[in-house]
C-alpha cells in the first residue's frame, strides 16, 4: 500500500526500495518480542495484512492475504500468543522518534471510538464518541500522538474502562483484564501517557488536547515539567487576571462576548486538506508566574492565558487554557492548537487504511495488541513519507553542446 501522493520528487523505484527496507526494519525490531519463530512469522504476516490493499483488515482477510486456510494463526497473535503489547508500544515510540524527533514538538492527546455490537468486548458500553457524534455502543481509546515538523505518529494508547466494567470483577476476568487495572478517568489515562513520555525523555515542548483533558492534574504536571500547553476548556470555565493591563474575570464565554470587534485577529492554525485553516482569534494574558510559585525545579517566568477561537462561518467559539514561557506570541499558541488536526487526520487514516477499528477480539490483550500493531504500521508510513520527501531530487543530465552531454 504505497501512497505516492504522500511523496514528492521520488521515483517509483526509490519508493519501492524505501518501502521494502522500512518493512524489513520494523519487522526486525519487533522480532525479539516473540519466543517462537512461527509466532514471529504470524506477527510479520499480520503486519503485512494491515498494510495490504484489503479494505477490511479482518482475520479472514489477513489470513487470505497470508495464504493461510483460516484466520486461526492471525487470531492467535491477538489472543493465545504470549507477548507484551506494551513492549511493542515502546518499540513504536522509539522507532518513530528516530525520524520525527524535534525539541519543539507537540504531544497531542485525544480519544476515538470503536463501534461494537454486544456486551462482551472489553470496555464496551453505551457512551459518547465523537467518531459517531452520539452516545452509542462502543469502546473508547485514548491516544497520544507525537507531532513535529517532520511528521506525526501515535506513540501511546490506552483502553478506557467505564465504571460498570471495573466494578464487575467477573466481567473483567472474562475479558482477561489484569488484576492490577482499576477505574481511571480519561484525563488520568492521558496523564499516565504524558508522564511516561517525560520519563522516556521524549523531546517535546507542548501538549495540546480538547476540553476533556483541559483541567486538573494534567495542568499541574505539565507546569512542573516545564512543558507549555494549549488545553481546551468548556465555555463556563472561570478565568481571572491579575497584574495585567486588561482586567478580566468570569466565564470564558462571558469574557469572549465582552470583547470589542477589533480585538480579534484572523490567523491560520496550519494547512489542512483544503488549504489554510483560518479562524478569528483572541489571546488574553492573565498572569505571569515565577517557576518558584508552583514548586518547579527550574527558573523562569511563565504566563497563564486564555486563547479564544471563533469560526468565520458561524461564529462558533472554542476556548483554551494556555501556559507558556513569558513573551510567547499568540501566533505560536495558535500554531500549537492547530497541531491537534494531525491526530484527527491520523485516526481517519488509521481506520480507513490500516484497520484500527477492525479488531475482532474481545479481550484486553487483544485490543492493545491490535492497536499497537496498527501504530507500528502507521509509524512506518510516517517514516517513509519523511524520508521520501527529504531526499534530494534526482540528478539530470546536462547538455554541454550539440550532441554532447556530461
Protein backbone atom coordinates (compact mmCIF):
# COMPACT_ATOMS: atom_id res chain seq x y z
CA UNK A 1 0.00 0.00 0.00
CA UNK A 2 2.29 2.76 -1.25
CA UNK A 3 0.77 6.22 -1.26
CA UNK A 4 2.58 8.13 -3.98
CA UNK A 5 0.51 11.23 -3.19
CA UNK A 6 2.47 11.50 0.07
CA UNK A 7 5.80 11.79 -1.72
CA UNK A 8 7.24 14.45 -3.98
CA UNK A 9 10.06 14.14 -6.47
CA UNK A 10 10.76 10.45 -5.74
CA UNK A 11 10.77 7.73 -8.39
CA UNK A 12 8.62 4.64 -8.02
CA UNK A 13 11.81 2.58 -7.81
CA UNK A 14 13.07 4.64 -4.86
CA UNK A 15 9.67 4.45 -3.20
CA UNK A 16 9.60 0.67 -3.52
CA UNK A 17 13.10 0.43 -2.09
CA UNK A 18 12.14 2.64 0.85
CA UNK A 19 9.03 0.58 1.48
CA UNK A 20 10.87 -2.75 1.41
CA UNK A 21 13.75 -1.61 3.61
CA UNK A 22 11.41 0.03 6.12
CA UNK A 23 9.22 -3.06 6.36
CA UNK A 24 12.28 -5.24 6.98
CA UNK A 25 13.41 -2.80 9.65
CA UNK A 26 10.17 -2.71 11.65
CA UNK A 27 9.78 -6.50 11.47
CA UNK A 28 13.31 -6.93 12.80
CA UNK A 29 12.56 -4.52 15.66
CA UNK A 30 9.51 -6.46 16.83
CA UNK A 31 11.08 -9.91 16.32
CA UNK A 32 12.55 -10.13 19.90
CA UNK A 33 9.03 -9.93 21.33
CA UNK A 34 8.30 -13.49 20.19
CA UNK A 35 9.98 -16.58 21.59
CA UNK A 36 8.90 -18.87 18.73
CA UNK A 37 9.74 -18.42 15.08
CA UNK A 38 6.28 -19.45 13.88
CA UNK A 39 4.64 -16.82 16.11
CA UNK A 40 7.08 -14.19 14.85
CA UNK A 41 6.21 -15.16 11.27
CA UNK A 42 2.49 -14.82 12.02
CA UNK A 43 3.09 -11.36 13.51
CA UNK A 44 5.05 -10.41 10.40
CA UNK A 45 2.16 -11.57 8.21
CA UNK A 46 -0.30 -9.72 10.44
CA UNK A 47 1.64 -6.50 9.74
CA UNK A 48 1.63 -7.29 6.01
CA UNK A 49 -2.15 -7.66 6.21
CA UNK A 50 -2.59 -4.28 7.88
CA UNK A 51 -0.52 -2.66 5.14
CA UNK A 52 -2.25 -4.56 2.35
CA UNK A 53 -4.89 -3.40 -0.09
CA UNK A 54 -7.84 -5.16 1.59
CA UNK A 55 -10.41 -2.64 2.81
CA UNK A 56 -11.38 -4.78 5.80
CA UNK A 57 -8.48 -5.97 7.96
CA UNK A 58 -10.39 -8.87 9.49
CA UNK A 59 -8.82 -12.18 10.48
CA UNK A 60 -10.18 -13.89 7.37
CA UNK A 61 -8.91 -11.10 5.10
CA UNK A 62 -5.45 -11.10 6.69
CA UNK A 63 -5.36 -14.92 6.54
CA UNK A 64 -6.25 -14.92 2.84
CA UNK A 65 -3.50 -12.38 2.14
CA UNK A 66 -1.04 -14.56 4.09
CA UNK A 67 -2.10 -17.74 2.27
CA UNK A 68 -3.50 -19.38 5.41
CA UNK A 69 -6.50 -21.72 5.19
CA UNK A 70 -8.24 -19.90 8.04
CA UNK A 71 -7.89 -16.99 10.46
CA UNK A 72 -6.63 -19.01 13.43
CA UNK A 73 -2.95 -18.05 13.22
CA UNK A 74 -3.87 -14.39 12.76
CA UNK A 75 -6.27 -14.53 15.70
CA UNK A 76 -3.68 -16.26 17.89
CA UNK A 77 -1.39 -13.23 17.59
CA UNK A 78 -4.04 -11.16 19.36
CA UNK A 79 -5.24 -13.79 21.80
CA UNK A 80 -3.48 -17.05 22.64
CA UNK A 81 0.07 -15.93 21.88
CA UNK A 82 2.34 -14.79 24.71
CA UNK A 83 3.92 -11.42 24.01
CA UNK A 84 3.96 -7.95 25.53
CA UNK A 85 1.92 -5.27 23.76
CA UNK A 86 3.41 -2.56 25.98
CA UNK A 87 6.89 -3.57 24.83
CA UNK A 88 5.70 -3.12 21.23
CA UNK A 89 4.26 0.28 22.18
CA UNK A 90 7.73 1.33 23.37
CA UNK A 91 9.33 -0.02 20.19
CA UNK A 92 6.88 2.06 18.12
CA UNK A 93 7.70 5.19 20.14
CA UNK A 94 11.46 4.79 19.84
CA UNK A 95 11.26 3.93 16.14
CA UNK A 96 9.10 6.96 15.33
CA UNK A 97 11.32 9.32 17.31
CA UNK A 98 14.43 8.32 15.38
CA UNK A 99 12.94 10.18 12.42
CA UNK A 100 10.31 12.56 13.82
CA UNK A 101 12.02 13.87 16.97
CA UNK A 102 12.15 17.64 17.39
CA UNK A 103 12.58 19.72 20.54
CA UNK A 104 9.62 21.94 19.64
CA UNK A 105 7.24 19.02 19.02
CA UNK A 106 3.67 18.86 20.34
CA UNK A 107 2.26 15.88 22.19
CA UNK A 108 -1.41 15.72 21.19
CA UNK A 109 -3.92 13.85 23.35
CA UNK A 110 -7.28 12.74 22.00
CA UNK A 111 -9.69 9.83 22.01
CA UNK A 112 -11.59 7.88 19.41
CA UNK A 113 -14.44 5.41 19.44
CA UNK A 114 -14.58 1.80 18.24
CA UNK A 115 -18.16 0.89 17.38
CA UNK A 116 -19.16 -2.55 18.64
CA UNK A 117 -22.09 -4.92 18.87
CA UNK A 118 -22.95 -6.80 22.05
CA UNK A 119 -21.57 -6.54 25.57
CA UNK A 120 -18.52 -8.83 25.63
CA UNK A 121 -15.78 -6.70 24.02
CA UNK A 122 -13.52 -5.28 26.71
CA UNK A 123 -14.65 -1.81 27.80
CA UNK A 124 -17.68 -1.72 25.53
CA UNK A 125 -20.75 0.22 26.63
CA UNK A 126 -23.14 2.96 25.69
CA UNK A 127 -21.01 6.09 25.80
CA UNK A 128 -20.44 9.22 23.77
CA UNK A 129 -17.91 9.13 20.98
CA UNK A 130 -17.06 11.92 18.60
CA UNK A 131 -16.45 9.27 15.93
CA UNK A 132 -20.20 8.76 15.70
CA UNK A 133 -21.22 12.12 17.15
CA UNK A 134 -23.59 10.50 19.62
CA UNK A 135 -23.97 8.06 22.51
CA UNK A 136 -23.67 4.56 21.11
CA UNK A 137 -22.32 1.10 21.92
CA UNK A 138 -18.56 1.38 21.60
CA UNK A 139 -15.11 1.15 23.11
CA UNK A 140 -13.09 4.32 23.74
CA UNK A 141 -9.35 4.51 23.23
CA UNK A 142 -7.22 7.41 24.46
CA UNK A 143 -4.15 8.13 22.32
CA UNK A 144 -1.01 10.26 22.38
CA UNK A 145 0.32 11.41 19.02
CA UNK A 146 3.76 12.91 18.51
CA UNK A 147 3.53 15.84 16.09
CA UNK A 148 6.59 17.67 14.79
CA UNK A 149 7.75 19.48 11.67
CA UNK A 150 8.94 16.08 10.41
CA UNK A 151 5.57 14.34 10.61
CA UNK A 152 3.33 12.67 13.15
CA UNK A 153 2.71 9.22 14.62
CA UNK A 154 0.95 7.59 17.56
CA UNK A 155 3.33 6.80 20.43
CA UNK A 156 0.94 5.67 23.19
CA UNK A 157 -2.58 4.36 23.75
CA UNK A 158 -4.92 3.16 26.50
CA UNK A 159 -8.32 1.48 26.54
CA UNK A 160 -10.84 3.31 28.72
CA UNK A 161 -12.87 1.09 31.06
CA UNK A 162 -16.15 2.59 32.35
CA UNK A 163 -17.05 2.06 36.00
CA UNK A 164 -19.67 -0.53 35.06
CA UNK A 165 -16.73 -2.62 33.93
CA UNK A 166 -14.24 -2.02 36.73
CA UNK A 167 -16.92 -2.64 39.38
CA UNK A 168 -17.71 -6.07 37.89
CA UNK A 169 -14.67 -8.27 38.57
CA UNK A 170 -16.23 -11.31 36.90
CA UNK A 171 -16.75 -9.35 33.70
CA UNK A 172 -13.18 -8.05 33.92
CA UNK A 173 -11.88 -11.60 34.34
CA UNK A 174 -13.80 -12.86 31.31
CA UNK A 175 -12.13 -10.14 29.22
CA UNK A 176 -8.73 -11.05 30.71
CA UNK A 177 -8.19 -7.60 32.22
CA UNK A 178 -5.14 -7.71 34.53
CA UNK A 179 -5.92 -7.67 38.24
CA UNK A 180 -3.84 -4.51 38.62
CA UNK A 181 -6.18 -2.48 36.40
CA UNK A 182 -8.77 -0.32 38.15
CA UNK A 183 -11.01 2.55 37.11
CA UNK A 184 -9.21 5.55 35.63
CA UNK A 185 -10.77 8.60 34.02
CA UNK A 186 -9.75 9.60 30.53
CA UNK A 187 -7.66 12.53 31.88
CA UNK A 188 -5.95 10.09 34.27
CA UNK A 189 -5.08 7.81 31.35
CA UNK A 190 -3.77 10.82 29.44
CA UNK A 191 -1.69 11.94 32.43
CA UNK A 192 -0.10 8.49 32.65
CA UNK A 193 0.87 8.71 28.97
CA UNK A 194 2.30 12.21 29.40
CA UNK A 195 4.32 11.12 32.42
CA UNK A 196 5.54 8.06 30.51
CA UNK A 197 6.69 10.27 27.64
CA UNK A 198 8.53 12.58 30.03
CA UNK A 199 10.16 9.64 31.86
CA UNK A 200 11.29 8.22 28.49
CA UNK A 201 12.92 11.55 27.51
CA UNK A 202 10.59 12.06 24.56
CA UNK A 203 11.55 15.51 23.18
CA UNK A 204 8.54 17.83 23.17
CA UNK A 205 7.77 21.34 24.37
CA UNK A 206 3.98 21.47 24.16
CA UNK A 207 0.85 19.47 24.90
CA UNK A 208 -2.44 20.10 23.10
CA UNK A 209 -5.80 18.50 23.86
CA UNK A 210 -9.53 19.17 23.81
CA UNK A 211 -11.77 20.10 26.73
CA UNK A 212 -11.95 16.55 28.14
CA UNK A 213 -8.33 16.95 29.24
CA UNK A 214 -8.12 20.68 29.91
CA UNK A 215 -8.27 20.93 33.70
CA UNK A 216 -6.81 19.37 36.84
CA UNK A 217 -3.75 17.24 37.35
CA UNK A 218 -2.56 17.43 33.74
CA UNK A 219 -2.03 21.19 34.01
CA UNK A 220 -0.01 20.92 37.21
CA UNK A 221 2.11 18.04 35.91
CA UNK A 222 2.99 19.99 32.77
CA UNK A 223 3.85 23.12 34.74
CA UNK A 224 6.26 21.20 36.95
CA UNK A 225 7.83 19.54 33.91
CA UNK A 226 8.43 22.87 32.09
CA UNK A 227 6.03 21.98 29.28
CA UNK A 228 3.75 24.52 27.65
CA UNK A 229 0.17 23.66 26.84
CA UNK A 230 -2.93 24.66 24.92
CA UNK A 231 -5.78 22.71 26.51
CA UNK A 232 -9.43 23.05 25.60
CA UNK A 233 -11.88 24.12 28.31
CA UNK A 234 -15.66 24.48 28.45
CA UNK A 235 -17.47 27.78 27.92
CA UNK A 236 -18.33 28.00 31.62
CA UNK A 237 -14.72 27.63 32.79
CA UNK A 238 -13.77 30.53 35.06
CA UNK A 239 -10.81 32.80 34.35
CA UNK A 240 -9.41 35.78 36.23
CA UNK A 241 -6.45 38.02 35.51
CA UNK A 242 -4.16 39.83 37.90
CA UNK A 243 -1.40 42.40 37.47
CA UNK A 244 -2.26 42.77 33.79
CA UNK A 245 -3.34 45.95 31.92
CA UNK A 246 -6.60 44.33 30.80
CA UNK A 247 -8.58 43.07 33.79
CA UNK A 248 -10.88 40.14 33.02
CA UNK A 249 -12.96 37.92 35.26
CA UNK A 250 -15.77 35.47 34.60
CA UNK A 251 -16.57 32.52 32.40
CA UNK A 252 -14.74 32.04 29.13
CA UNK A 253 -17.96 32.65 27.23
CA UNK A 254 -18.75 35.91 29.07
CA UNK A 255 -15.20 37.17 28.55
CA UNK A 256 -15.39 36.42 24.82
CA UNK A 257 -18.76 38.12 24.37
CA UNK A 258 -17.46 41.30 26.06
CA UNK A 259 -14.55 41.71 23.66
CA UNK A 260 -14.67 44.52 21.08
CA UNK A 261 -14.67 43.64 17.39
CA UNK A 262 -11.14 44.94 16.89
CA UNK A 263 -9.74 42.53 19.48
CA UNK A 264 -9.95 39.62 17.05
CA UNK A 265 -7.19 38.64 14.61
CA UNK A 266 -7.56 36.30 11.66
CA UNK A 267 -4.81 33.67 11.74
CA UNK A 268 -4.17 30.26 10.25
CA UNK A 269 -3.88 27.25 12.57
CA UNK A 270 -1.96 25.43 9.84
CA UNK A 271 -2.72 23.90 6.48
CA UNK A 272 -5.46 21.33 6.14
CA UNK A 273 -6.66 19.30 3.19
CA UNK A 274 -8.32 22.41 1.73
CA UNK A 275 -5.58 24.94 2.46
CA UNK A 276 -5.02 27.30 5.39
CA UNK A 277 -7.38 26.69 8.34
CA UNK A 278 -8.31 30.31 9.05
CA UNK A 279 -10.18 31.43 12.16
CA UNK A 280 -10.51 34.60 14.23
CA UNK A 281 -8.52 34.54 17.48
CA UNK A 282 -8.02 36.45 20.72
CA UNK A 283 -5.27 35.82 23.26
CA UNK A 284 -5.54 37.27 26.76
CA UNK A 285 -2.55 37.12 29.10
CA UNK A 286 -3.93 36.53 32.60
CA UNK A 287 -0.91 36.35 34.90
CA UNK A 288 2.86 35.93 34.98
CA UNK A 289 4.22 33.45 37.50
CA UNK A 290 7.73 32.65 38.59
CA UNK A 291 8.57 28.97 38.44
CA UNK A 292 9.16 29.02 42.19
CA UNK A 293 5.46 29.81 42.68
CA UNK A 294 4.46 26.32 41.57
CA UNK A 295 7.34 24.36 43.13
CA UNK A 296 9.19 23.87 39.86
CA UNK A 297 12.82 22.75 39.80
CA UNK A 298 13.75 25.20 37.03
CA UNK A 299 13.96 29.01 36.78
CA UNK A 300 11.90 31.35 34.62
CA UNK A 301 8.71 33.37 34.23
CA UNK A 302 5.68 31.69 32.68
CA UNK A 303 2.38 33.16 31.52
CA UNK A 304 -1.09 31.76 32.10
CA UNK A 305 -3.58 32.81 29.45
CA UNK A 306 -6.87 32.33 27.67
CA UNK A 307 -6.93 31.65 23.92
CA UNK A 308 -10.28 32.01 22.12
CA UNK A 309 -11.10 30.76 18.64
CA UNK A 310 -14.09 31.94 16.60
CA UNK A 311 -15.12 30.19 13.41
CA UNK A 312 -15.52 32.52 10.47
CA UNK A 313 -18.53 30.70 9.01
CA UNK A 314 -20.85 30.58 12.02
CA UNK A 315 -19.15 32.40 14.90
CA UNK A 316 -18.86 29.20 16.97
CA UNK A 317 -16.45 29.71 19.89
CA UNK A 318 -13.82 27.41 21.40
CA UNK A 319 -11.74 28.18 24.49
CA UNK A 320 -8.25 27.10 25.55
CA UNK A 321 -6.32 27.44 28.76
CA UNK A 322 -2.69 28.20 27.91
CA UNK A 323 0.65 28.02 29.69
CA UNK A 324 3.85 29.20 28.05
CA UNK A 325 7.16 30.97 28.65
CA UNK A 326 6.70 34.72 29.06
CA UNK A 327 6.74 36.52 25.73
CA UNK A 328 5.28 33.64 23.70
CA UNK A 329 3.26 35.08 20.82
CA UNK A 330 -0.37 34.39 20.02
CA UNK A 331 0.74 33.11 16.62
CA UNK A 332 2.78 30.40 18.33
CA UNK A 333 -0.12 29.33 20.55
CA UNK A 334 -2.46 29.21 17.55
CA UNK A 335 0.05 27.00 15.74
CA UNK A 336 0.27 24.66 18.74
CA UNK A 337 -3.52 24.38 18.90
CA UNK A 338 -3.55 23.68 15.18
CA UNK A 339 -1.40 20.61 15.72
CA UNK A 340 -4.49 18.84 17.09
CA UNK A 341 -5.63 18.46 13.49
CA UNK A 342 -2.83 15.92 12.98
CA UNK A 343 -4.31 13.37 15.39
CA UNK A 344 -7.75 13.69 13.78
CA UNK A 345 -6.11 13.00 10.43
CA UNK A 346 -4.23 10.08 11.99
CA UNK A 347 -7.43 8.49 13.31
CA UNK A 348 -9.05 8.76 9.90
CA UNK A 349 -6.06 7.27 8.09
CA UNK A 350 -5.52 4.51 10.66
CA UNK A 351 -9.18 3.46 10.50
CA UNK A 352 -9.73 3.76 6.76
CA UNK A 353 -6.42 2.32 5.59
CA UNK A 354 -4.88 0.27 8.42
CA UNK A 355 -7.89 -1.26 10.15
CA UNK A 356 -7.52 0.48 13.51
CA UNK A 357 -11.17 -0.24 14.30
CA UNK A 358 -11.30 -3.70 12.67
CA UNK A 359 -10.23 -5.60 15.78
CA UNK A 360 -12.42 -8.70 16.24
CA UNK A 361 -11.08 -9.87 19.60
CA UNK A 362 -12.91 -9.20 22.84
CA UNK A 363 -10.05 -9.25 25.34
CA UNK A 364 -7.95 -6.56 26.98
CA UNK A 365 -4.80 -8.04 25.46
CA UNK A 366 -6.40 -8.34 22.03
CA UNK A 367 -7.30 -4.65 21.91
CA UNK A 368 -3.84 -3.45 22.98
CA UNK A 369 -2.04 -5.86 20.66
CA UNK A 370 -4.13 -4.97 17.63
CA UNK A 371 -3.85 -1.24 18.25
CA UNK A 372 -0.08 -1.43 18.87
CA UNK A 373 0.46 -3.29 15.59
CA UNK A 374 -1.56 -0.63 13.76
CA UNK A 375 0.53 2.04 15.47
CA UNK A 376 3.68 0.35 14.15
CA UNK A 377 2.27 0.27 10.62
CA UNK A 378 1.28 3.95 10.87
CA UNK A 379 4.71 4.95 12.21
CA UNK A 380 6.40 3.10 9.36
CA UNK A 381 4.33 5.04 6.84
CA UNK A 382 5.20 8.33 8.56
CA UNK A 383 8.91 7.48 8.44
CA UNK A 384 8.73 6.51 4.76
CA UNK A 385 6.92 9.72 3.94
CA UNK A 386 9.51 11.88 5.71
CA UNK A 387 12.46 10.10 4.15
CA UNK A 388 10.96 10.22 0.68
CA UNK A 389 10.09 13.91 0.90
CA UNK A 390 13.54 14.90 2.21
CA UNK A 391 15.55 13.02 -0.41
CA UNK A 392 17.49 15.21 -2.86
CA UNK A 393 15.95 15.36 -6.34
CA UNK A 394 17.46 13.00 -8.92
CA UNK A 395 20.32 14.44 -10.93
CA UNK A 396 19.57 15.35 -14.53
CA UNK A 397 21.96 15.07 -17.42
CA UNK A 398 23.22 18.48 -18.51
CA UNK A 399 23.81 19.06 -22.19
CA UNK A 400 27.11 20.83 -22.94
CA UNK A 401 26.60 21.42 -26.60
CA UNK A 402 25.15 19.93 -29.81
CA UNK A 403 25.25 16.17 -29.39
CA UNK A 404 27.32 16.44 -26.19
CA UNK A 405 26.21 15.73 -22.61
CA UNK A 406 28.04 15.33 -19.34
